[in-house]
Amino acid sequence: MVTMTAKEIMADLMNKNTGGFFYKENCRINFSSIYGFYCKDYINGKIKTYNVSDIEAENIIIASCKEN
C-alpha cells in the first residue's frame, strides 16, 4: 500500500485541480490560489466554508491519516 505524507497531499492540492482531500465524512480541505487552504464542511445539511493556515491544513491532514 502506498501512502502519501501530509506535505505530499498539500502539494497535490496546490498543484493539481483536485476535488479536495476528505479529512472526515462530508468534510474536505481544498486549495485556492487566491485564498489559500480552506475547509468545506457539510454538516447537518449546511455547508460551512472557512480558511485555514498552512500549518492548520497540515495538522488536519495528519490527524485524518492517523484515524484511518
N, C-alpha and C. Protein backbone atom coordinates (compact mmCIF):
# COMPACT_ATOMS: atom_id res chain seq x y z
N MET A 1 0.84 -1.18 0.00
CA MET A 1 0.00 0.00 0.00
C MET A 1 0.89 1.25 0.00
N VAL A 2 0.59 2.18 -0.87
CA VAL A 2 1.36 3.40 -0.98
C VAL A 2 0.61 4.50 -0.22
N THR A 3 1.29 5.16 0.69
CA THR A 3 0.67 6.26 1.42
C THR A 3 1.44 7.54 1.14
N MET A 4 0.74 8.64 1.21
CA MET A 4 1.35 9.94 0.97
C MET A 4 1.50 10.66 2.31
N THR A 5 2.52 11.49 2.39
CA THR A 5 2.69 12.31 3.58
C THR A 5 1.77 13.53 3.48
N ALA A 6 1.58 14.21 4.59
CA ALA A 6 0.75 15.41 4.60
C ALA A 6 1.29 16.46 3.63
N LYS A 7 2.61 16.61 3.59
CA LYS A 7 3.22 17.58 2.68
C LYS A 7 2.94 17.22 1.22
N GLU A 8 2.97 15.93 0.89
CA GLU A 8 2.68 15.49 -0.48
C GLU A 8 1.22 15.74 -0.84
N ILE A 9 0.33 15.49 0.10
CA ILE A 9 -1.09 15.75 -0.13
C ILE A 9 -1.31 17.25 -0.35
N MET A 10 -0.68 18.07 0.47
CA MET A 10 -0.80 19.52 0.32
C MET A 10 -0.25 19.98 -1.03
N ALA A 11 0.86 19.42 -1.45
CA ALA A 11 1.45 19.77 -2.75
C ALA A 11 0.51 19.39 -3.88
N ASP A 12 -0.12 18.22 -3.77
CA ASP A 12 -1.09 17.80 -4.79
C ASP A 12 -2.26 18.78 -4.85
N LEU A 13 -2.75 19.20 -3.69
CA LEU A 13 -3.86 20.15 -3.66
C LEU A 13 -3.47 21.47 -4.31
N MET A 14 -2.23 21.90 -4.11
CA MET A 14 -1.78 23.17 -4.67
C MET A 14 -1.48 23.07 -6.17
N ASN A 15 -0.98 21.93 -6.62
CA ASN A 15 -0.50 21.82 -8.00
C ASN A 15 -1.49 21.19 -8.97
N LYS A 16 -2.49 20.50 -8.46
CA LYS A 16 -3.44 19.82 -9.33
C LYS A 16 -4.84 20.32 -9.07
N ASN A 17 -5.66 20.28 -10.08
CA ASN A 17 -7.06 20.68 -9.93
C ASN A 17 -7.83 19.48 -9.38
N THR A 18 -7.82 19.32 -8.06
CA THR A 18 -8.46 18.17 -7.44
C THR A 18 -9.78 18.57 -6.80
N GLY A 19 -10.55 17.58 -6.43
CA GLY A 19 -11.81 17.82 -5.72
C GLY A 19 -11.59 18.05 -4.24
N GLY A 20 -10.35 18.07 -3.80
CA GLY A 20 -10.05 18.28 -2.40
C GLY A 20 -9.67 16.99 -1.72
N PHE A 21 -9.31 17.11 -0.47
CA PHE A 21 -8.93 15.97 0.35
C PHE A 21 -9.96 15.82 1.46
N PHE A 22 -10.65 14.68 1.48
CA PHE A 22 -11.66 14.44 2.51
C PHE A 22 -10.97 14.01 3.79
N TYR A 23 -11.11 14.84 4.82
CA TYR A 23 -10.47 14.52 6.10
C TYR A 23 -11.45 13.95 7.12
N LYS A 24 -12.73 14.09 6.87
CA LYS A 24 -13.81 13.47 7.65
C LYS A 24 -14.95 13.21 6.68
N GLU A 25 -15.94 12.50 7.14
CA GLU A 25 -17.11 12.28 6.30
C GLU A 25 -17.77 13.63 6.01
N ASN A 26 -17.93 13.94 4.75
CA ASN A 26 -18.54 15.19 4.28
C ASN A 26 -17.75 16.45 4.63
N CYS A 27 -16.47 16.32 4.92
CA CYS A 27 -15.62 17.47 5.21
C CYS A 27 -14.35 17.34 4.37
N ARG A 28 -14.01 18.40 3.68
CA ARG A 28 -12.81 18.33 2.85
C ARG A 28 -12.03 19.62 2.92
N ILE A 29 -10.76 19.48 2.59
CA ILE A 29 -9.87 20.63 2.55
C ILE A 29 -9.46 20.85 1.10
N ASN A 30 -9.46 22.10 0.69
CA ASN A 30 -9.13 22.47 -0.69
C ASN A 30 -8.07 23.55 -0.67
N PHE A 31 -7.58 23.85 -1.86
CA PHE A 31 -6.62 24.95 -2.01
C PHE A 31 -7.06 25.85 -3.14
N SER A 32 -6.98 27.15 -2.90
CA SER A 32 -7.27 28.15 -3.92
C SER A 32 -6.04 29.04 -4.06
N SER A 33 -5.68 29.34 -5.29
CA SER A 33 -4.51 30.21 -5.49
C SER A 33 -4.77 31.61 -4.96
N ILE A 34 -6.00 31.98 -4.79
CA ILE A 34 -6.34 33.30 -4.27
C ILE A 34 -6.44 33.29 -2.75
N TYR A 35 -7.14 32.28 -2.21
CA TYR A 35 -7.44 32.27 -0.77
C TYR A 35 -6.57 31.34 0.05
N GLY A 36 -5.82 30.49 -0.57
CA GLY A 36 -5.00 29.51 0.15
C GLY A 36 -5.83 28.30 0.53
N PHE A 37 -5.48 27.67 1.65
CA PHE A 37 -6.21 26.47 2.08
C PHE A 37 -7.51 26.86 2.75
N TYR A 38 -8.55 26.08 2.48
CA TYR A 38 -9.84 26.29 3.12
C TYR A 38 -10.55 24.97 3.29
N CYS A 39 -11.40 24.93 4.29
CA CYS A 39 -12.20 23.73 4.56
C CYS A 39 -13.63 23.98 4.10
N LYS A 40 -14.24 22.94 3.62
CA LYS A 40 -15.63 23.00 3.20
C LYS A 40 -16.32 21.81 3.86
N ASP A 41 -17.06 22.08 4.92
CA ASP A 41 -17.69 21.04 5.71
C ASP A 41 -19.20 21.04 5.48
N TYR A 42 -19.74 19.88 5.24
CA TYR A 42 -21.19 19.72 5.06
C TYR A 42 -21.71 18.99 6.29
N ILE A 43 -22.29 19.75 7.20
CA ILE A 43 -22.76 19.19 8.47
C ILE A 43 -24.19 19.66 8.72
N ASN A 44 -25.03 18.70 9.09
CA ASN A 44 -26.44 18.99 9.39
C ASN A 44 -27.14 19.73 8.25
N GLY A 45 -26.82 19.34 7.03
CA GLY A 45 -27.50 19.91 5.86
C GLY A 45 -27.03 21.30 5.46
N LYS A 46 -25.97 21.79 6.08
CA LYS A 46 -25.46 23.12 5.75
C LYS A 46 -23.97 23.04 5.44
N ILE A 47 -23.54 23.88 4.49
CA ILE A 47 -22.13 23.94 4.13
C ILE A 47 -21.49 25.09 4.88
N LYS A 48 -20.38 24.78 5.55
CA LYS A 48 -19.59 25.80 6.24
C LYS A 48 -18.23 25.85 5.57
N THR A 49 -17.85 27.01 5.08
CA THR A 49 -16.56 27.20 4.42
C THR A 49 -15.74 28.18 5.24
N TYR A 50 -14.50 27.82 5.51
CA TYR A 50 -13.63 28.70 6.29
C TYR A 50 -12.18 28.48 5.91
N ASN A 51 -11.39 29.55 5.99
CA ASN A 51 -9.97 29.49 5.66
C ASN A 51 -9.18 28.91 6.82
N VAL A 52 -8.09 28.21 6.48
CA VAL A 52 -7.16 27.70 7.48
C VAL A 52 -5.75 28.03 7.01
N SER A 53 -4.84 28.14 7.95
CA SER A 53 -3.44 28.41 7.61
C SER A 53 -2.78 27.14 7.07
N ASP A 54 -1.59 27.27 6.53
CA ASP A 54 -0.84 26.11 6.04
C ASP A 54 -0.60 25.10 7.17
N ILE A 55 -0.26 25.61 8.34
CA ILE A 55 0.00 24.72 9.49
C ILE A 55 -1.26 24.01 9.92
N GLU A 56 -2.39 24.74 9.97
CA GLU A 56 -3.67 24.11 10.33
C GLU A 56 -4.05 23.05 9.30
N ALA A 57 -3.83 23.34 8.02
CA ALA A 57 -4.15 22.38 6.97
C ALA A 57 -3.33 21.11 7.15
N GLU A 58 -2.04 21.27 7.41
CA GLU A 58 -1.18 20.12 7.61
C GLU A 58 -1.64 19.30 8.83
N ASN A 59 -1.99 19.98 9.91
CA ASN A 59 -2.46 19.28 11.12
C ASN A 59 -3.76 18.53 10.88
N ILE A 60 -4.67 19.11 10.10
CA ILE A 60 -5.94 18.44 9.77
C ILE A 60 -5.65 17.16 8.99
N ILE A 61 -4.77 17.25 8.00
CA ILE A 61 -4.44 16.09 7.17
C ILE A 61 -3.75 15.02 8.00
N ILE A 62 -2.81 15.41 8.85
CA ILE A 62 -2.11 14.44 9.69
C ILE A 62 -3.09 13.74 10.62
N ALA A 63 -3.99 14.50 11.25
CA ALA A 63 -4.96 13.91 12.17
C ALA A 63 -5.90 12.94 11.45
N SER A 64 -6.29 13.27 10.23
CA SER A 64 -7.20 12.39 9.50
C SER A 64 -6.50 11.10 9.08
N CYS A 65 -5.22 11.18 8.77
CA CYS A 65 -4.47 9.99 8.37
C CYS A 65 -4.25 9.05 9.57
N LYS A 66 -4.14 9.60 10.75
CA LYS A 66 -3.97 8.79 11.96
C LYS A 66 -5.25 8.04 12.30
N GLU A 67 -6.40 8.62 11.95
CA GLU A 67 -7.68 7.99 12.24
C GLU A 67 -7.91 6.75 11.38
N ASN A 68 -7.34 6.75 10.18
CA ASN A 68 -7.58 5.64 9.25
C ASN A 68 -6.64 4.53 9.43
